[in-house]
């Protein structure tokens, strides 16, 4: 497993936006994965780190992570953390 992923410098949740916080976070994480800034098997920051750095609740972080897990972008290992999933082979 690779090093922990740093959150983007200056990234903030737009609290004035009508877009839900969890969706903003989800889009940010997805953009980092798809742009190649965050690589397969890298560890994401903890829920607490996301909460502290972005001034959002744990519920927001959990919902964003859960949706990305359901879409196959993230995996979680109990006691270890959340990681970028290996890309699935496409047929």
PDB file of N, CA and C in Angstrom:
ATOM      1  N   UNK A   1       0.835  -1.185   0.000  1.00  0.00           N
ATOM      2  CA  UNK A   1       0.000   0.000   0.000  1.00  0.00           C
ATOM      3  C   UNK A   1       0.879   1.248   0.000  1.00  0.00           C
ATOM      4  N   UNK A   2       0.411   2.261  -0.683  1.00  0.00           N
ATOM      5  CA  UNK A   2       1.167   3.498  -0.823  1.00  0.00           C
ATOM      6  C   UNK A   2       0.907   4.458   0.324  1.00  0.00           C
ATOM      7  N   UNK A   3       1.540   5.601   0.236  1.00  0.00           N
ATOM      8  CA  UNK A   3       1.430   6.630   1.256  1.00  0.00           C
ATOM      9  C   UNK A   3       0.029   7.228   1.325  1.00  0.00           C
ATOM     10  N   UNK A   4      -0.225   7.872   2.433  1.00  0.00           N
ATOM     11  CA  UNK A   4      -1.485   8.567   2.656  1.00  0.00           C
ATOM     12  C   UNK A   4      -1.635   9.711   1.672  1.00  0.00           C
ATOM     13  N   UNK A   5      -2.829   9.898   1.183  1.00  0.00           N
ATOM     14  CA  UNK A   5      -3.127  10.974   0.242  1.00  0.00           C
ATOM     15  C   UNK A   5      -3.345  12.277   1.006  1.00  0.00           C
ATOM     16  N   UNK A   6      -2.681  13.352   0.593  1.00  0.00           N
ATOM     17  CA  UNK A   6      -2.960  14.654   1.209  1.00  0.00           C
ATOM     18  C   UNK A   6      -4.194  15.270   0.559  1.00  0.00           C
ATOM     19  N   UNK A   7      -4.983  15.972   1.345  1.00  0.00           N
ATOM     20  CA  UNK A   7      -6.094  16.716   0.756  1.00  0.00           C
ATOM     21  C   UNK A   7      -5.520  17.866  -0.045  1.00  0.00           C
ATOM     22  N   UNK A   8      -6.183  18.242  -1.093  1.00  0.00           N
ATOM     23  CA  UNK A   8      -5.700  19.333  -1.934  1.00  0.00           C
ATOM     24  C   UNK A   8      -5.570  20.631  -1.150  1.00  0.00           C
ATOM     25  N   UNK A   9      -4.460  21.304  -1.353  1.00  0.00           N
ATOM     26  CA  UNK A   9      -4.255  22.607  -0.710  1.00  0.00           C
ATOM     27  C   UNK A   9      -5.349  23.557  -1.156  1.00  0.00           C
ATOM     28  N   UNK A  10      -5.983  24.195  -0.201  1.00  0.00           N
ATOM     29  CA  UNK A  10      -6.970  25.205  -0.524  1.00  0.00           C
ATOM     30  C   UNK A  10      -8.342  24.671  -0.902  1.00  0.00           C
ATOM     31  N   UNK A  11      -8.526  23.345  -0.917  1.00  0.00           N
ATOM     32  CA  UNK A  11      -9.843  22.808  -1.251  1.00  0.00           C
ATOM     33  C   UNK A  11     -10.794  23.084  -0.093  1.00  0.00           C
ATOM     34  N   UNK A  12     -11.961  23.614  -0.410  1.00  0.00           N
ATOM     35  CA  UNK A  12     -12.976  23.850   0.624  1.00  0.00           C
ATOM     36  C   UNK A  12     -14.338  23.407   0.117  1.00  0.00           C
ATOM     37  N   UNK A  13     -15.204  23.092   1.050  1.00  0.00           N
ATOM     38  CA  UNK A  13     -16.597  22.798   0.732  1.00  0.00           C
ATOM     39  C   UNK A  13     -17.305  24.145   0.618  1.00  0.00           C
ATOM     40  N   UNK A  14     -18.025  24.366  -0.472  1.00  0.00           N
ATOM     41  CA  UNK A  14     -18.747  25.620  -0.674  1.00  0.00           C
ATOM     42  C   UNK A  14     -20.058  25.561   0.103  1.00  0.00           C
ATOM     43  N   UNK A  15     -20.068  26.200   1.261  1.00  0.00           N
ATOM     44  CA  UNK A  15     -21.235  26.130   2.144  1.00  0.00           C
ATOM     45  C   UNK A  15     -22.398  26.986   1.656  1.00  0.00           C
ATOM     46  N   UNK A  16     -22.156  27.812   0.641  1.00  0.00           N
ATOM     47  CA  UNK A  16     -23.219  28.645   0.060  1.00  0.00           C
ATOM     48  C   UNK A  16     -23.893  27.939  -1.127  1.00  0.00           C
ATOM     49  N   UNK A  17     -23.281  26.874  -1.595  1.00  0.00           N
ATOM     50  CA  UNK A  17     -23.779  26.161  -2.766  1.00  0.00           C
ATOM     51  C   UNK A  17     -25.031  25.342  -2.415  1.00  0.00           C
ATOM     52  N   UNK A  18     -25.967  25.237  -3.383  1.00  0.00           N
ATOM     53  CA  UNK A  18     -27.126  24.366  -3.157  1.00  0.00           C
ATOM     54  C   UNK A  18     -26.763  22.880  -3.274  1.00  0.00           C
ATOM     55  N   UNK A  19     -25.553  22.583  -3.766  1.00  0.00           N
ATOM     56  CA  UNK A  19     -25.104  21.194  -3.902  1.00  0.00           C
ATOM     57  C   UNK A  19     -24.767  20.657  -2.510  1.00  0.00           C
ATOM     58  N   UNK A  20     -25.333  19.497  -2.132  1.00  0.00           N
ATOM     59  CA  UNK A  20     -25.058  18.940  -0.798  1.00  0.00           C
ATOM     60  C   UNK A  20     -23.558  18.745  -0.559  1.00  0.00           C
ATOM     61  N   UNK A  21     -23.144  18.932   0.683  1.00  0.00           N
ATOM     62  CA  UNK A  21     -21.730  18.819   1.049  1.00  0.00           C
ATOM     63  C   UNK A  21     -21.145  17.474   0.642  1.00  0.00           C
ATOM     64  N   UNK A  22     -21.890  16.378   0.901  1.00  0.00           N
ATOM     65  CA  UNK A  22     -21.352  15.049   0.596  1.00  0.00           C
ATOM     66  C   UNK A  22     -21.095  14.919  -0.905  1.00  0.00           C
ATOM     67  N   UNK A  23     -21.968  15.540  -1.720  1.00  0.00           N
ATOM     68  CA  UNK A  23     -21.801  15.436  -3.172  1.00  0.00           C
ATOM     69  C   UNK A  23     -20.586  16.247  -3.639  1.00  0.00           C
ATOM     70  N   UNK A  24     -20.352  17.390  -3.011  1.00  0.00           N
ATOM     71  CA  UNK A  24     -19.160  18.184  -3.327  1.00  0.00           C
ATOM     72  C   UNK A  24     -17.903  17.387  -3.009  1.00  0.00           C
ATOM     73  N   UNK A  25     -17.882  16.732  -1.841  1.00  0.00           N
ATOM     74  CA  UNK A  25     -16.726  15.927  -1.444  1.00  0.00           C
ATOM     75  C   UNK A  25     -16.556  14.742  -2.387  1.00  0.00           C
ATOM     76  N   UNK A  26     -17.643  14.095  -2.716  1.00  0.00           N
ATOM     77  CA  UNK A  26     -17.602  12.954  -3.637  1.00  0.00           C
ATOM     78  C   UNK A  26     -17.012  13.370  -4.983  1.00  0.00           C
ATOM     79  N   UNK A  27     -17.473  14.498  -5.519  1.00  0.00           N
ATOM     80  CA  UNK A  27     -16.963  14.982  -6.802  1.00  0.00           C
ATOM     81  C   UNK A  27     -15.476  15.330  -6.720  1.00  0.00           C
ATOM     82  N   UNK A  28     -15.056  15.894  -5.595  1.00  0.00           N
ATOM     83  CA  UNK A  28     -13.644  16.222  -5.417  1.00  0.00           C
ATOM     84  C   UNK A  28     -12.789  14.952  -5.415  1.00  0.00           C
ATOM     85  N   UNK A  29     -13.186  13.971  -4.622  1.00  0.00           N
ATOM     86  CA  UNK A  29     -12.428  12.709  -4.546  1.00  0.00           C
ATOM     87  C   UNK A  29     -12.384  12.057  -5.923  1.00  0.00           C
ATOM     88  N   UNK A  30     -13.530  12.002  -6.585  1.00  0.00           N
ATOM     89  CA  UNK A  30     -13.603  11.394  -7.914  1.00  0.00           C
ATOM     90  C   UNK A  30     -12.707  12.126  -8.910  1.00  0.00           C
ATOM     91  N   UNK A  31     -12.685  13.447  -8.847  1.00  0.00           N
ATOM     92  CA  UNK A  31     -11.832  14.212  -9.776  1.00  0.00           C
ATOM     93  C   UNK A  31     -10.358  13.919  -9.527  1.00  0.00           C
ATOM     94  N   UNK A  32      -9.978  13.731  -8.259  1.00  0.00           N
ATOM     95  CA  UNK A  32      -8.586  13.418  -7.938  1.00  0.00           C
ATOM     96  C   UNK A  32      -8.192  12.031  -8.455  1.00  0.00           C
ATOM     97  N   UNK A  33      -9.119  11.084  -8.370  1.00  0.00           N
ATOM     98  CA  UNK A  33      -8.858   9.724  -8.869  1.00  0.00           C
ATOM     99  C   UNK A  33      -8.761   9.737 -10.392  1.00  0.00           C
ATOM    100  N   UNK A  34      -9.753  10.347 -11.039  1.00  0.00           N
ATOM    101  CA  UNK A  34      -9.810  10.315 -12.505  1.00  0.00           C
ATOM    102  C   UNK A  34      -8.689  11.122 -13.152  1.00  0.00           C
ATOM    103  N   UNK A  35      -8.192  12.149 -12.466  1.00  0.00           N
ATOM    104  CA  UNK A  35      -7.097  12.945 -13.020  1.00  0.00           C
ATOM    105  C   UNK A  35      -5.742  12.270 -12.812  1.00  0.00           C
ATOM    106  N   UNK A  36      -5.725  11.219 -11.981  1.00  0.00           N
ATOM    107  CA  UNK A  36      -4.475  10.518 -11.713  1.00  0.00           C
ATOM    108  C   UNK A  36      -3.680  11.096 -10.556  1.00  0.00           C
ATOM    109  N   UNK A  37      -4.207  12.134  -9.900  1.00  0.00           N
ATOM    110  CA  UNK A  37      -3.517  12.705  -8.736  1.00  0.00           C
ATOM    111  C   UNK A  37      -3.484  11.717  -7.577  1.00  0.00           C
ATOM    112  N   UNK A  38      -4.556  10.939  -7.451  1.00  0.00           N
ATOM    113  CA  UNK A  38      -4.623   9.915  -6.418  1.00  0.00           C
ATOM    114  C   UNK A  38      -4.605   8.569  -7.121  1.00  0.00           C
ATOM    115  N   UNK A  39      -3.706   7.703  -6.712  1.00  0.00           N
ATOM    116  CA  UNK A  39      -3.463   6.435  -7.395  1.00  0.00           C
ATOM    117  C   UNK A  39      -4.097   5.250  -6.660  1.00  0.00           C
ATOM    118  N   UNK A  40      -4.289   4.162  -7.415  1.00  0.00           N
ATOM    119  CA  UNK A  40      -4.827   2.930  -6.851  1.00  0.00           C
ATOM    120  C   UNK A  40      -4.007   2.492  -5.642  1.00  0.00           C
ATOM    121  N   UNK A  41      -4.695   2.055  -4.624  1.00  0.00           N
ATOM    122  CA  UNK A  41      -4.148   1.527  -3.376  1.00  0.00           C
ATOM    123  C   UNK A  41      -3.601   2.595  -2.433  1.00  0.00           C
ATOM    124  N   UNK A  42      -3.720   3.885  -2.786  1.00  0.00           N
ATOM    125  CA  UNK A  42      -3.325   4.925  -1.837  1.00  0.00           C
ATOM    126  C   UNK A  42      -4.404   5.048  -0.769  1.00  0.00           C
ATOM    127  N   UNK A  43      -3.967   5.372   0.429  1.00  0.00           N
ATOM    128  CA  UNK A  43      -4.890   5.506   1.554  1.00  0.00           C
ATOM    129  C   UNK A  43      -5.444   6.929   1.614  1.00  0.00           C
ATOM    130  N   UNK A  44      -6.757   7.026   1.783  1.00  0.00           N
ATOM    131  CA  UNK A  44      -7.402   8.323   1.949  1.00  0.00           C
ATOM    132  C   UNK A  44      -7.178   8.823   3.370  1.00  0.00           C
ATOM    133  N   UNK A  45      -7.318  10.139   3.572  1.00  0.00           N
ATOM    134  CA  UNK A  45      -7.293  10.658   4.942  1.00  0.00           C
ATOM    135  C   UNK A  45      -8.428  10.013   5.741  1.00  0.00           C
ATOM    136  N   UNK A  46      -8.298   9.995   7.057  1.00  0.00           N
ATOM    137  CA  UNK A  46      -9.343   9.421   7.904  1.00  0.00           C
ATOM    138  C   UNK A  46     -10.585  10.315   7.879  1.00  0.00           C
ATOM    139  N   UNK A  47     -11.701   9.779   8.339  1.00  0.00           N
ATOM    140  CA  UNK A  47     -12.927  10.578   8.445  1.00  0.00           C
ATOM    141  C   UNK A  47     -12.667  11.820   9.291  1.00  0.00           C
ATOM    142  N   UNK A  48     -11.946  11.643  10.376  1.00  0.00           N
ATOM    143  CA  UNK A  48     -11.642  12.764  11.275  1.00  0.00           C
ATOM    144  C   UNK A  48     -10.833  13.836  10.557  1.00  0.00           C
ATOM    145  N   UNK A  49      -9.844  13.416   9.767  1.00  0.00           N
ATOM    146  CA  UNK A  49      -9.023  14.384   9.028  1.00  0.00           C
ATOM    147  C   UNK A  49      -9.862  15.157   8.014  1.00  0.00           C
ATOM    148  N   UNK A  50     -10.744  14.449   7.291  1.00  0.00           N
ATOM    149  CA  UNK A  50     -11.644  15.138   6.363  1.00  0.00           C
ATOM    150  C   UNK A  50     -12.494  16.163   7.126  1.00  0.00           C
ATOM    151  N   UNK A  51     -13.052  15.739   8.258  1.00  0.00           N
ATOM    152  CA  UNK A  51     -13.925  16.615   9.052  1.00  0.00           C
ATOM    153  C   UNK A  51     -13.189  17.869   9.517  1.00  0.00           C
ATOM    154  N   UNK A  52     -11.993  17.686  10.055  1.00  0.00           N
ATOM    155  CA  UNK A  52     -11.227  18.812  10.583  1.00  0.00           C
ATOM    156  C   UNK A  52     -10.761  19.749   9.473  1.00  0.00           C
ATOM    157  N   UNK A  53     -10.261  19.201   8.383  1.00  0.00           N
ATOM    158  CA  UNK A  53      -9.709  20.036   7.315  1.00  0.00           C
ATOM    159  C   UNK A  53     -10.789  20.750   6.501  1.00  0.00           C
ATOM    160  N   UNK A  54     -11.961  20.135   6.390  1.00  0.00           N
ATOM    161  CA  UNK A  54     -13.008  20.713   5.546  1.00  0.00           C
ATOM    162  C   UNK A  54     -14.169  21.299   6.342  1.00  0.00           C
ATOM    163  N   UNK A  55     -14.114  21.188   7.665  1.00  0.00           N
ATOM    164  CA  UNK A  55     -15.161  21.709   8.544  1.00  0.00           C
ATOM    165  C   UNK A  55     -16.534  21.150   8.162  1.00  0.00           C
ATOM    166  N   UNK A  56     -16.585  19.823   8.081  1.00  0.00           N
ATOM    167  CA  UNK A  56     -17.829  19.126   7.768  1.00  0.00           C
ATOM    168  C   UNK A  56     -18.030  18.010   8.786  1.00  0.00           C
ATOM    169  N   UNK A  57     -19.239  17.457   8.811  1.00  0.00           N
ATOM    170  CA  UNK A  57     -19.550  16.397   9.777  1.00  0.00           C
ATOM    171  C   UNK A  57     -19.104  15.031   9.250  1.00  0.00           C
ATOM    172  N   UNK A  58     -18.994  14.097  10.178  1.00  0.00           N
ATOM    173  CA  UNK A  58     -18.622  12.724   9.823  1.00  0.00           C
ATOM    174  C   UNK A  58     -19.661  12.090   8.915  1.00  0.00           C
ATOM    175  N   UNK A  59     -20.922  12.450   9.131  1.00  0.00           N
ATOM    176  CA  UNK A  59     -22.008  11.914   8.305  1.00  0.00           C
ATOM    177  C   UNK A  59     -21.790  12.272   6.840  1.00  0.00           C
ATOM    178  N   UNK A  60     -21.351  13.491   6.578  1.00  0.00           N
ATOM    179  CA  UNK A  60     -21.077  13.946   5.210  1.00  0.00           C
ATOM    180  C   UNK A  60     -19.964  13.100   4.598  1.00  0.00           C
ATOM    181  N   UNK A  61     -18.888  12.910   5.336  1.00  0.00           N
ATOM    182  CA  UNK A  61     -17.746  12.132   4.841  1.00  0.00           C
ATOM    183  C   UNK A  61     -18.169  10.692   4.586  1.00  0.00           C
ATOM    184  N   UNK A  62     -18.888  10.109   5.529  1.00  0.00           N
ATOM    185  CA  UNK A  62     -19.314   8.708   5.379  1.00  0.00           C
ATOM    186  C   UNK A  62     -20.203   8.511   4.161  1.00  0.00           C
ATOM    187  N   UNK A  63     -21.115   9.460   3.919  1.00  0.00           N
ATOM    188  CA  UNK A  63     -22.009   9.316   2.770  1.00  0.00           C
ATOM    189  C   UNK A  63     -21.230   9.393   1.464  1.00  0.00           C
ATOM    190  N   UNK A  64     -20.303  10.323   1.360  1.00  0.00           N
ATOM    191  CA  UNK A  64     -19.495  10.447   0.140  1.00  0.00           C
ATOM    192  C   UNK A  64     -18.680   9.176  -0.088  1.00  0.00           C
ATOM    193  N   UNK A  65     -18.038   8.684   0.967  1.00  0.00           N
ATOM    194  CA  UNK A  65     -17.220   7.476   0.855  1.00  0.00           C
ATOM    195  C   UNK A  65     -18.077   6.268   0.498  1.00  0.00           C
ATOM    196  N   UNK A  66     -19.230   6.139   1.129  1.00  0.00           N
ATOM    197  CA  UNK A  66     -20.118   5.003   0.874  1.00  0.00           C
ATOM    198  C   UNK A  66     -20.551   4.971  -0.594  1.00  0.00           C
ATOM    199  N   UNK A  67     -20.911   6.139  -1.129  1.00  0.00           N
ATOM    200  CA  UNK A  67     -21.336   6.171  -2.533  1.00  0.00           C
ATOM    201  C   UNK A  67     -20.190   5.793  -3.471  1.00  0.00           C
ATOM    202  N   UNK A  68     -18.982   6.259  -3.170  1.00  0.00           N
ATOM    203  CA  UNK A  68     -17.829   5.920  -4.012  1.00  0.00           C
ATOM    204  C   UNK A  68     -17.446   4.447  -3.871  1.00  0.00           C
ATOM    205  N   UNK A  69     -17.683   3.863  -2.695  1.00  0.00           N
ATOM    206  CA  UNK A  69     -17.465   2.422  -2.525  1.00  0.00           C
ATOM    207  C   UNK A  69     -18.463   1.654  -3.381  1.00  0.00           C
ATOM    208  N   UNK A  70     -19.720   2.073  -3.328  1.00  0.00           N
ATOM    209  CA  UNK A  70     -20.762   1.389  -4.111  1.00  0.00           C
ATOM    210  C   UNK A  70     -20.498   1.470  -5.609  1.00  0.00           C
ATOM    211  N   UNK A  71     -19.823   2.529  -6.041  1.00  0.00           N
ATOM    212  CA  UNK A  71     -19.496   2.688  -7.456  1.00  0.00           C
ATOM    213  C   UNK A  71     -18.160   2.031  -7.818  1.00  0.00           C
ATOM    214  N   UNK A  72     -17.472   1.460  -6.823  1.00  0.00           N
ATOM    215  CA  UNK A  72     -16.242   0.730  -7.091  1.00  0.00           C
ATOM    216  C   UNK A  72     -14.970   1.558  -7.104  1.00  0.00           C
ATOM    217  N   UNK A  73     -15.041   2.820  -6.677  1.00  0.00           N
ATOM    218  CA  UNK A  73     -13.849   3.678  -6.674  1.00  0.00           C
ATOM    219  C   UNK A  73     -13.014   3.542  -5.402  1.00  0.00           C
ATOM    220  N   UNK A  74     -13.646   3.161  -4.290  1.00  0.00           N
ATOM    221  CA  UNK A  74     -12.953   3.055  -3.011  1.00  0.00           C
ATOM    222  C   UNK A  74     -13.214   1.700  -2.376  1.00  0.00           C
ATOM    223  N   UNK A  75     -12.269   1.273  -1.546  1.00  0.00           N
ATOM    224  CA  UNK A  75     -12.451   0.079  -0.734  1.00  0.00           C
ATOM    225  C   UNK A  75     -12.074   0.431   0.704  1.00  0.00           C
ATOM    226  N   UNK A  76     -12.683  -0.256   1.645  1.00  0.00           N
ATOM    227  CA  UNK A  76     -12.379  -0.018   3.057  1.00  0.00           C
ATOM    228  C   UNK A  76     -11.928  -1.323   3.679  1.00  0.00           C
ATOM    229  N   UNK A  77     -10.852  -1.255   4.442  1.00  0.00           N
ATOM    230  CA  UNK A  77     -10.360  -2.418   5.179  1.00  0.00           C
ATOM    231  C   UNK A  77     -10.496  -2.114   6.657  1.00  0.00           C
ATOM    232  N   UNK A  78     -11.234  -2.953   7.351  1.00  0.00           N
ATOM    233  CA  UNK A  78     -11.440  -2.733   8.780  1.00  0.00           C
ATOM    234  C   UNK A  78     -10.118  -2.592   9.516  1.00  0.00           C
ATOM    235  N   UNK A  79     -10.026  -1.549  10.321  1.00  0.00           N
ATOM    236  CA  UNK A  79      -8.835  -1.312  11.115  1.00  0.00           C
ATOM    237  C   UNK A  79      -7.664  -0.707  10.350  1.00  0.00           C
ATOM    238  N   UNK A  80      -7.808  -0.572   9.035  1.00  0.00           N
ATOM    239  CA  UNK A  80      -6.708  -0.034   8.226  1.00  0.00           C
ATOM    240  C   UNK A  80      -7.062   1.290   7.569  1.00  0.00           C
ATOM    241  N   UNK A  81      -8.294   1.423   7.071  1.00  0.00           N
ATOM    242  CA  UNK A  81      -8.696   2.666   6.444  1.00  0.00           C
ATOM    243  C   UNK A  81      -9.372   2.472   5.105  1.00  0.00           C
ATOM    244  N   UNK A  82      -9.527   3.589   4.394  1.00  0.00           N
ATOM    245  CA  UNK A  82     -10.163   3.601   3.083  1.00  0.00           C
ATOM    246  C   UNK A  82      -9.103   3.861   2.029  1.00  0.00           C
ATOM    247  N   UNK A  83      -9.177   3.091   0.951  1.00  0.00           N
ATOM    248  CA  UNK A  83      -8.167   3.132  -0.102  1.00  0.00           C
ATOM    249  C   UNK A  83      -8.812   3.318  -1.464  1.00  0.00           C
ATOM    250  N   UNK A  84      -8.021   3.863  -2.396  1.00  0.00           N
ATOM    251  CA  UNK A  84      -8.456   3.937  -3.788  1.00  0.00           C
ATOM    252  C   UNK A  84      -8.446   2.519  -4.333  1.00  0.00           C
ATOM    253  N   UNK A  85      -9.550   2.119  -4.958  1.00  0.00           N
ATOM    254  CA  UNK A  85      -9.664   0.763  -5.488  1.00  0.00           C
ATOM    255  C   UNK A  85      -8.809   0.622  -6.749  1.00  0.00           C
ATOM    256  N   UNK A  86      -8.365  -0.597  -6.988  1.00  0.00           N
ATOM    257  CA  UNK A  86      -7.668  -0.896  -8.238  1.00  0.00           C
ATOM    258  C   UNK A  86      -8.698  -0.791  -9.364  1.00  0.00           C
ATOM    259  N   UNK A  87      -8.285  -0.248 -10.513  1.00  0.00           N
ATOM    260  CA  UNK A  87      -9.244  -0.130 -11.622  1.00  0.00           C
ATOM    261  C   UNK A  87      -9.742  -1.495 -12.055  1.00  0.00           C
ATOM    262  N   UNK A  88     -10.999  -1.553 -12.358  1.00  0.00           N
ATOM    263  CA  UNK A  88     -11.595  -2.807 -12.841  1.00  0.00           C
ATOM    264  C   UNK A  88     -11.240  -2.962 -14.315  1.00  0.00           C
ATOM    265  N   UNK A  89     -11.003  -4.199 -14.728  1.00  0.00           N
ATOM    266  CA  UNK A  89     -10.734  -4.451 -16.138  1.00  0.00           C
ATOM    267  C   UNK A  89     -12.047  -4.358 -16.903  1.00  0.00           C
ATOM    268  N   UNK A  90     -11.998  -3.624 -17.992  1.00  0.00           N
ATOM    269  CA  UNK A  90     -13.215  -3.430 -18.793  1.00  0.00           C
ATOM    270  C   UNK A  90     -13.148  -4.337 -20.024  1.00  0.00           C
ATOM    271  N   UNK A  91     -14.295  -4.897 -20.359  1.00  0.00           N
ATOM    272  CA  UNK A  91     -14.365  -5.807 -21.516  1.00  0.00           C
ATOM    273  C   UNK A  91     -14.901  -5.082 -22.706  1.00  0.00           C
TER     274      UNK A  91
END
